[in-house]
Structures are given as structure tokens and as C-alpha cells.
Amino acid sequence: MPHSPDIYLKPDRKIWTEADLPYLGWHNCVIHDFTLERTDQPSAPNFLLDLDYILQWLKPNELGYFQFWTAPTTLIFYNVQSLRIEIDPLWKPPTLLEIDEIYLKRESPKSSKETRYQGEISLRRGRMSFNAQGFKQIVRKPPKLSTMQHWGLEERGGISFDKTPYKLEDETLLTLP
């Protein structure tokens, strides 16, 4: 899906939810790790992913290389049920676990009043499927411009499922080229 720089590449956009779904796309984003988090519903934990989100793809530069605005994020799917993870048995770290796309289909509430989403994370080497109550994606570090679609582990501060958006003293540092 296309990303909209006017909406999303602004320092004040640090959190996205299902309301932003038409504007979000996760193609080529790298998953560094994932985990389950306990909730007050033991049978429906939160599913968290630590990933590098591509906020915007830029046209090739004068050398013919694409450039990307990327940032480490925590993607949280709430009250997950029916989680299934299938990863190609030939995949081994440190090979990157790349997302082809994330598909979320809103389900009509049946007996309860909560809206749920049927989700599938299509990976280059597998897939993850689940049913969730919604999601939130939190940008943990200021976006940077690079020819790489992901950050190095040291640069991003290692693996993290932190839910705190980044803070900048001078948010004017983030401007579109």
C-alpha cells in the first residue's frame, strides 16, 4: 500500500491504530523478534512484533538507489486468538525475517460488541495468522533516511518491545527532502 508522507512522515505521528489502516503498508519491513504478552484474558494475549517500519520509499537517487525513511517500531495486536506461526524450516537467523505484507480484515461483531480483525502476516519465508481486537504501532526512535530498509541491531538499541514513543528536543530535524 502507498504511504502518505504528508500524513505519516511527521514528527508528531508516532502512534498508528486500525483507524490508519488504509494508509499503512508493511511490505519489506523486517521483523527482529516477536513475543506474547499476558493480558487480563489468559486465553487472549497480546502479540508484539519488534520491526523496522518503512515510513516512505523515495525514488532512486542519482546513483539509481532507492532511499527509505525507516524507524524501529513496536507493533501490538491486542487480545489475540487462534495464533498460528509457520516459518520455513530452512530459515535461520541472522537471515532477515521480511514481511511481504500484513492483511487485516475487519470482522462483524457476532454476539459481543467488540470489533475484531482477521490478520495474516505474509512473510518471505512463512506466515503468521491470528484474530485480534485491534492494533497499535508505536515509533520508538526518530525516522532516518537510508538506502537500507532496516536498522542494525546496535543502532536500534537491540531487540525491544517498548511501548514508549520517541521524544525529540528539536522535532524540526525531521523534514522531507
C-alpha atoms as a PDB file:
ATOM      1  CA  MET A   1       0.000   0.000   0.000  1.00  0.00           C
ATOM      2  CA  PRO A   2       1.254   3.501  -0.630  1.00  0.00           C
ATOM      3  CA  HIS A   3       2.488   5.535   2.271  1.00  0.00           C
ATOM      4  CA  SER A   4       1.450   9.162   2.546  1.00  0.00           C
ATOM      5  CA  PRO A   5       4.375  11.390   3.561  1.00  0.00           C
ATOM      6  CA  ASP A   6       2.032  14.283   4.281  1.00  0.00           C
ATOM      7  CA  ILE A   7       0.311  12.256   6.979  1.00  0.00           C
ATOM      8  CA  TYR A   8       2.914   9.847   8.298  1.00  0.00           C
ATOM      9  CA  LEU A   9       6.366  11.332   7.952  1.00  0.00           C
ATOM     10  CA  LYS A  10       5.779  13.996  10.555  1.00  0.00           C
ATOM     11  CA  PRO A  11       7.404  14.042  13.966  1.00  0.00           C
ATOM     12  CA  ASP A  12       4.019  14.175  15.663  1.00  0.00           C
ATOM     13  CA  ARG A  13       2.917  10.861  14.063  1.00  0.00           C
ATOM     14  CA  LYS A  14       4.384   8.358  16.466  1.00  0.00           C
ATOM     15  CA  ILE A  15       1.384   6.076  17.011  1.00  0.00           C
ATOM     16  CA  TRP A  16      -0.936   4.425  14.482  1.00  0.00           C
ATOM     17  CA  THR A  17      -4.031   2.289  15.043  1.00  0.00           C
ATOM     18  CA  GLU A  18      -6.603   0.413  12.981  1.00  0.00           C
ATOM     19  CA  ALA A  19      -8.138   3.807  12.092  1.00  0.00           C
ATOM     20  CA  ASP A  20      -4.989   4.429   9.993  1.00  0.00           C
ATOM     21  CA  LEU A  21      -5.125   1.068   8.213  1.00  0.00           C
ATOM     22  CA  PRO A  22      -5.895   2.462   4.712  1.00  0.00           C
ATOM     23  CA  TYR A  23      -2.620   4.419   4.821  1.00  0.00           C
ATOM     24  CA  LEU A  24      -0.334   1.714   6.222  1.00  0.00           C
ATOM     25  CA  GLY A  25       1.694  -0.924   4.441  1.00  0.00           C
ATOM     26  CA  TRP A  26       4.368  -3.230   5.795  1.00  0.00           C
ATOM     27  CA  HIS A  27       5.951  -4.508   2.554  1.00  0.00           C
ATOM     28  CA  ASN A  28       9.676  -5.287   3.060  1.00  0.00           C
ATOM     29  CA  CYS A  29       9.623  -4.352   6.765  1.00  0.00           C
ATOM     30  CA  VAL A  30      11.987  -6.517   8.825  1.00  0.00           C
ATOM     31  CA  ILE A  31      10.832  -8.349  11.966  1.00  0.00           C
ATOM     32  CA  HIS A  32      13.621  -8.541  14.536  1.00  0.00           C
ATOM     33  CA  ASP A  33      11.633 -10.502  17.115  1.00  0.00           C
ATOM     34  CA  PHE A  34       8.126 -11.293  18.342  1.00  0.00           C
ATOM     35  CA  THR A  35       6.574 -12.320  21.661  1.00  0.00           C
ATOM     36  CA  LEU A  36       3.315 -12.842  23.509  1.00  0.00           C
ATOM     37  CA  GLU A  37       2.323 -10.580  26.407  1.00  0.00           C
ATOM     38  CA  ARG A  38      -0.070 -11.635  29.129  1.00  0.00           C
ATOM     39  CA  THR A  39      -3.332  -9.748  29.487  1.00  0.00           C
ATOM     40  CA  ASP A  40      -6.270  -9.964  31.867  1.00  0.00           C
ATOM     41  CA  GLN A  41      -7.653 -12.573  29.435  1.00  0.00           C
ATOM     42  CA  PRO A  42      -5.271 -15.550  29.767  1.00  0.00           C
ATOM     43  CA  SER A  43      -6.619 -17.138  26.587  1.00  0.00           C
ATOM     44  CA  ALA A  44      -6.089 -13.940  24.532  1.00  0.00           C
ATOM     45  CA  PRO A  45      -2.568 -12.487  24.955  1.00  0.00           C
ATOM     46  CA  ASN A  46      -1.202  -9.506  23.052  1.00  0.00           C
ATOM     47  CA  PHE A  47       1.083 -10.362  20.135  1.00  0.00           C
ATOM     48  CA  LEU A  48       4.031  -7.941  19.852  1.00  0.00           C
ATOM     49  CA  LEU A  49       6.458  -7.534  16.977  1.00  0.00           C
ATOM     50  CA  ASP A  50       9.708  -5.587  17.043  1.00  0.00           C
ATOM     51  CA  LEU A  51      10.171  -4.339  13.489  1.00  0.00           C
ATOM     52  CA  ASP A  52      11.756  -1.655  11.369  1.00  0.00           C
ATOM     53  CA  TYR A  53       8.900   0.165   9.673  1.00  0.00           C
ATOM     54  CA  ILE A  54       9.380   1.791   6.263  1.00  0.00           C
ATOM     55  CA  LEU A  55       7.523   5.085   6.501  1.00  0.00           C
ATOM     56  CA  GLN A  56       8.278   6.132   2.950  1.00  0.00           C
ATOM     57  CA  TRP A  57      10.054   4.878  -0.184  1.00  0.00           C
ATOM     58  CA  LEU A  58      11.808   7.589  -2.179  1.00  0.00           C
ATOM     59  CA  LYS A  59      12.548   7.489  -5.900  1.00  0.00           C
ATOM     60  CA  PRO A  60      16.041   6.296  -6.838  1.00  0.00           C
ATOM     61  CA  ASN A  61      18.798   8.840  -6.227  1.00  0.00           C
ATOM     62  CA  GLU A  62      21.350   9.919  -8.855  1.00  0.00           C
ATOM     63  CA  LEU A  63      23.202   6.588  -8.424  1.00  0.00           C
ATOM     64  CA  GLY A  64      19.991   4.627  -9.005  1.00  0.00           C
ATOM     65  CA  TYR A  65      19.494   3.542  -5.372  1.00  0.00           C
ATOM     66  CA  PHE A  66      16.154   3.740  -3.607  1.00  0.00           C
ATOM     67  CA  GLN A  67      16.134   5.536  -0.279  1.00  0.00           C
ATOM     68  CA  PHE A  68      13.845   4.843   2.654  1.00  0.00           C
ATOM     69  CA  TRP A  69      12.625   6.668   5.744  1.00  0.00           C
ATOM     70  CA  THR A  70      12.664   3.919   8.399  1.00  0.00           C
ATOM     71  CA  ALA A  71      12.238   3.665  12.161  1.00  0.00           C
ATOM     72  CA  PRO A  72      12.174   0.940  14.836  1.00  0.00           C
ATOM     73  CA  THR A  73       8.602   0.290  15.962  1.00  0.00           C
ATOM     74  CA  THR A  74       6.613  -1.940  18.258  1.00  0.00           C
ATOM     75  CA  LEU A  75       3.526  -3.387  16.581  1.00  0.00           C
ATOM     76  CA  ILE A  76       0.965  -4.705  19.072  1.00  0.00           C
ATOM     77  CA  PHE A  77      -2.030  -6.852  18.160  1.00  0.00           C
ATOM     78  CA  TYR A  78      -4.466  -6.890  21.089  1.00  0.00           C
ATOM     79  CA  ASN A  79      -6.219  -9.911  22.616  1.00  0.00           C
ATOM     80  CA  VAL A  80      -5.005 -12.365  20.007  1.00  0.00           C
ATOM     81  CA  GLN A  81      -6.718 -15.677  19.451  1.00  0.00           C
ATOM     82  CA  SER A  82      -6.028 -18.546  17.043  1.00  0.00           C
ATOM     83  CA  LEU A  83      -2.386 -17.544  16.558  1.00  0.00           C
ATOM     84  CA  ARG A  84      -0.571 -19.731  14.071  1.00  0.00           C
ATOM     85  CA  ILE A  85       3.058 -19.217  13.061  1.00  0.00           C
ATOM     86  CA  GLU A  86       4.626 -21.045  10.131  1.00  0.00           C
ATOM     87  CA  ILE A  87       8.250 -20.293   9.295  1.00  0.00           C
ATOM     88  CA  ASP A  88      10.203 -22.079   6.583  1.00  0.00           C
ATOM     89  CA  PRO A  89      12.376 -24.700   8.317  1.00  0.00           C
ATOM     90  CA  LEU A  90      15.305 -23.590   6.144  1.00  0.00           C
ATOM     91  CA  TRP A  91      15.153 -20.065   7.620  1.00  0.00           C
ATOM     92  CA  LYS A  92      17.827 -19.477  10.235  1.00  0.00           C
ATOM     93  CA  PRO A  93      18.867 -16.293  11.999  1.00  0.00           C
ATOM     94  CA  PRO A  94      20.672 -13.993  11.296  1.00  0.00           C
ATOM     95  CA  THR A  95      18.828 -14.109   7.947  1.00  0.00           C
ATOM     96  CA  LEU A  96      16.260 -11.323   7.985  1.00  0.00           C
ATOM     97  CA  LEU A  97      12.607 -12.194   8.507  1.00  0.00           C
ATOM     98  CA  GLU A  98      10.936  -9.883   5.972  1.00  0.00           C
ATOM     99  CA  ILE A  99       7.252  -9.095   5.647  1.00  0.00           C
ATOM    100  CA  ASP A 100       5.639  -9.298   2.227  1.00  0.00           C
ATOM    101  CA  GLU A 101       2.510  -7.633   3.621  1.00  0.00           C
ATOM    102  CA  ILE A 102       0.115  -7.590   6.555  1.00  0.00           C
ATOM    103  CA  TYR A 103      -3.539  -8.176   5.733  1.00  0.00           C
ATOM    104  CA  LEU A 104      -6.222  -7.214   8.240  1.00  0.00           C
ATOM    105  CA  LYS A 105      -9.891  -7.830   7.544  1.00  0.00           C
ATOM    106  CA  ARG A 106     -12.458  -6.353   9.873  1.00  0.00           C
ATOM    107  CA  GLU A 107     -14.985  -8.883  11.112  1.00  0.00           C
ATOM    108  CA  SER A 108     -18.545  -8.004  12.027  1.00  0.00           C
ATOM    109  CA  PRO A 109     -19.260  -8.483  15.706  1.00  0.00           C
ATOM    110  CA  LYS A 110     -21.362 -11.565  16.365  1.00  0.00           C
ATOM    111  CA  SER A 111     -22.535 -11.876  19.932  1.00  0.00           C
ATOM    112  CA  SER A 112     -20.177  -9.347  21.501  1.00  0.00           C
ATOM    113  CA  LYS A 113     -19.864  -5.638  20.813  1.00  0.00           C
ATOM    114  CA  GLU A 114     -16.120  -5.723  20.146  1.00  0.00           C
ATOM    115  CA  THR A 115     -14.775  -5.426  16.630  1.00  0.00           C
ATOM    116  CA  ARG A 116     -12.168  -7.988  15.703  1.00  0.00           C
ATOM    117  CA  TYR A 117      -9.760  -8.363  12.808  1.00  0.00           C
ATOM    118  CA  GLN A 118      -8.688 -11.491  10.998  1.00  0.00           C
ATOM    119  CA  GLY A 119      -4.982 -10.957  10.385  1.00  0.00           C
ATOM    120  CA  GLU A 120      -2.303 -12.525   8.269  1.00  0.00           C
ATOM    121  CA  ILE A 121       1.337 -11.531   8.147  1.00  0.00           C
ATOM    122  CA  SER A 122       2.701 -12.853   4.880  1.00  0.00           C
ATOM    123  CA  LEU A 123       6.449 -13.427   5.217  1.00  0.00           C
ATOM    124  CA  ARG A 124       9.090 -14.156   2.598  1.00  0.00           C
ATOM    125  CA  ARG A 125       9.688 -17.423   4.446  1.00  0.00           C
ATOM    126  CA  GLY A 126       6.365 -18.247   6.045  1.00  0.00           C
ATOM    127  CA  ARG A 127       3.269 -16.670   7.533  1.00  0.00           C
ATOM    128  CA  MET A 128       1.555 -15.752  10.776  1.00  0.00           C
ATOM    129  CA  SER A 129      -2.224 -15.743  11.132  1.00  0.00           C
ATOM    130  CA  PHE A 130      -4.425 -14.656  14.030  1.00  0.00           C
ATOM    131  CA  ASN A 131      -7.606 -12.977  15.162  1.00  0.00           C
ATOM    132  CA  ALA A 132      -7.145  -9.714  17.126  1.00  0.00           C
ATOM    133  CA  GLN A 133      -9.225  -6.999  18.741  1.00  0.00           C
ATOM    134  CA  GLY A 134      -7.153  -4.244  17.099  1.00  0.00           C
ATOM    135  CA  PHE A 135      -3.615  -2.970  16.861  1.00  0.00           C
ATOM    136  CA  LYS A 136      -1.287  -0.129  17.704  1.00  0.00           C
ATOM    137  CA  GLN A 137       2.090   0.645  16.136  1.00  0.00           C
ATOM    138  CA  ILE A 138       4.482   2.826  18.129  1.00  0.00           C
ATOM    139  CA  VAL A 139       7.558   4.533  16.647  1.00  0.00           C
ATOM    140  CA  ARG A 140      10.354   4.204  19.226  1.00  0.00           C
ATOM    141  CA  LYS A 141      13.170   6.174  17.544  1.00  0.00           C
ATOM    142  CA  PRO A 142      13.180   9.113  15.140  1.00  0.00           C
ATOM    143  CA  PRO A 143      12.999   8.031  11.482  1.00  0.00           C
ATOM    144  CA  LYS A 144      16.192   8.149   9.438  1.00  0.00           C
ATOM    145  CA  LEU A 145      16.859   8.323   5.718  1.00  0.00           C
ATOM    146  CA  SER A 146      18.950   5.459   4.329  1.00  0.00           C
ATOM    147  CA  THR A 147      19.459   3.188   1.335  1.00  0.00           C
ATOM    148  CA  MET A 148      18.815   0.279   3.734  1.00  0.00           C
ATOM    149  CA  GLN A 149      15.307  -0.884   4.628  1.00  0.00           C
ATOM    150  CA  HIS A 150      16.270  -1.836   8.160  1.00  0.00           C
ATOM    151  CA  TRP A 151      18.491  -0.729  11.033  1.00  0.00           C
ATOM    152  CA  GLY A 152      21.393  -2.673  12.553  1.00  0.00           C
ATOM    153  CA  LEU A 153      20.728  -4.188  15.987  1.00  0.00           C
ATOM    154  CA  GLU A 154      23.240  -1.961  17.754  1.00  0.00           C
ATOM    155  CA  GLU A 155      21.944   1.182  16.034  1.00  0.00           C
ATOM    156  CA  ARG A 156      18.353   0.440  17.019  1.00  0.00           C
ATOM    157  CA  GLY A 157      19.276  -0.395  20.619  1.00  0.00           C
ATOM    158  CA  GLY A 158      18.870  -4.166  20.317  1.00  0.00           C
ATOM    159  CA  ILE A 159      15.579  -6.053  20.483  1.00  0.00           C
ATOM    160  CA  SER A 160      12.791  -4.088  22.147  1.00  0.00           C
ATOM    161  CA  PHE A 161       9.059  -4.253  22.740  1.00  0.00           C
ATOM    162  CA  ASP A 162       8.982  -0.835  24.392  1.00  0.00           C
ATOM    163  CA  LYS A 163       5.660   0.975  24.072  1.00  0.00           C
ATOM    164  CA  THR A 164       7.062   4.473  24.551  1.00  0.00           C
ATOM    165  CA  PRO A 165       7.130   6.768  21.501  1.00  0.00           C
ATOM    166  CA  TYR A 166      10.375   8.631  20.906  1.00  0.00           C
ATOM    167  CA  LYS A 167      10.879  12.233  22.007  1.00  0.00           C
ATOM    168  CA  LEU A 168      12.977  14.834  20.251  1.00  0.00           C
ATOM    169  CA  GLU A 169      14.181  18.113  21.628  1.00  0.00           C
ATOM    170  CA  ASP A 170      14.093  19.632  18.145  1.00  0.00           C
ATOM    171  CA  GLU A 171      11.445  17.925  16.035  1.00  0.00           C
ATOM    172  CA  THR A 172      12.247  20.164  13.089  1.00  0.00           C
ATOM    173  CA  LEU A 173      15.108  17.743  12.337  1.00  0.00           C
ATOM    174  CA  LEU A 174      12.591  15.522  10.540  1.00  0.00           C
ATOM    175  CA  THR A 175      11.762  17.099   7.231  1.00  0.00           C
ATOM    176  CA  LEU A 176      11.088  15.645   3.847  1.00  0.00           C
ATOM    177  CA  PRO A 177      13.768  16.006   1.184  1.00  0.00           C
END
